[in-house]
Amino acid sequence: MRVDPTAKHPDCAPLDGDEDIANIKVGFCFQWSLLATRNFRNIVRLPQTSYVKFATTTITALFASFLFWNCPKTPEGIQNVQGALFFMTMNCSFNAIQNVILIFPEERPVFLREVNNNMY
């Protein structure tokens, strides 16, 4: 089901000619609540992505833990542990980014419609 980005809500009143659309601002908390609600709905509607993210993160964490389990307490060993922590942090970050990259093209029409309605 595709969404028409040019569609407007019937209750929206037209703007006066004197009013500049660029000056209409929506509060940060309202924007954040809209995006958080949309993200929660995506998680509920697509639980497979959450399962895959959880499994990927768990397997990577176990792999890194087993790999760096008995590191010596020398400067080289501490540097190895820091490298493992960096590796795990980057993995978690890219997993979160990848989810957005995969879902955004499907939500682009909704995003454009909301921008046209000055919700952001």
Foldseek 3Di string as FASTA:
>chain_A
DDDALVDDDPPDDDDDPVDDLVPDADDPVLVVVVVVVVVVVCCVVCVVLVVVLVVVLVVLVVVLCVVLVDQDPDPVSVVSVVVSVVVSVVVNVVSVVVVCVVCCVVCVSVVSSCVVVVSD
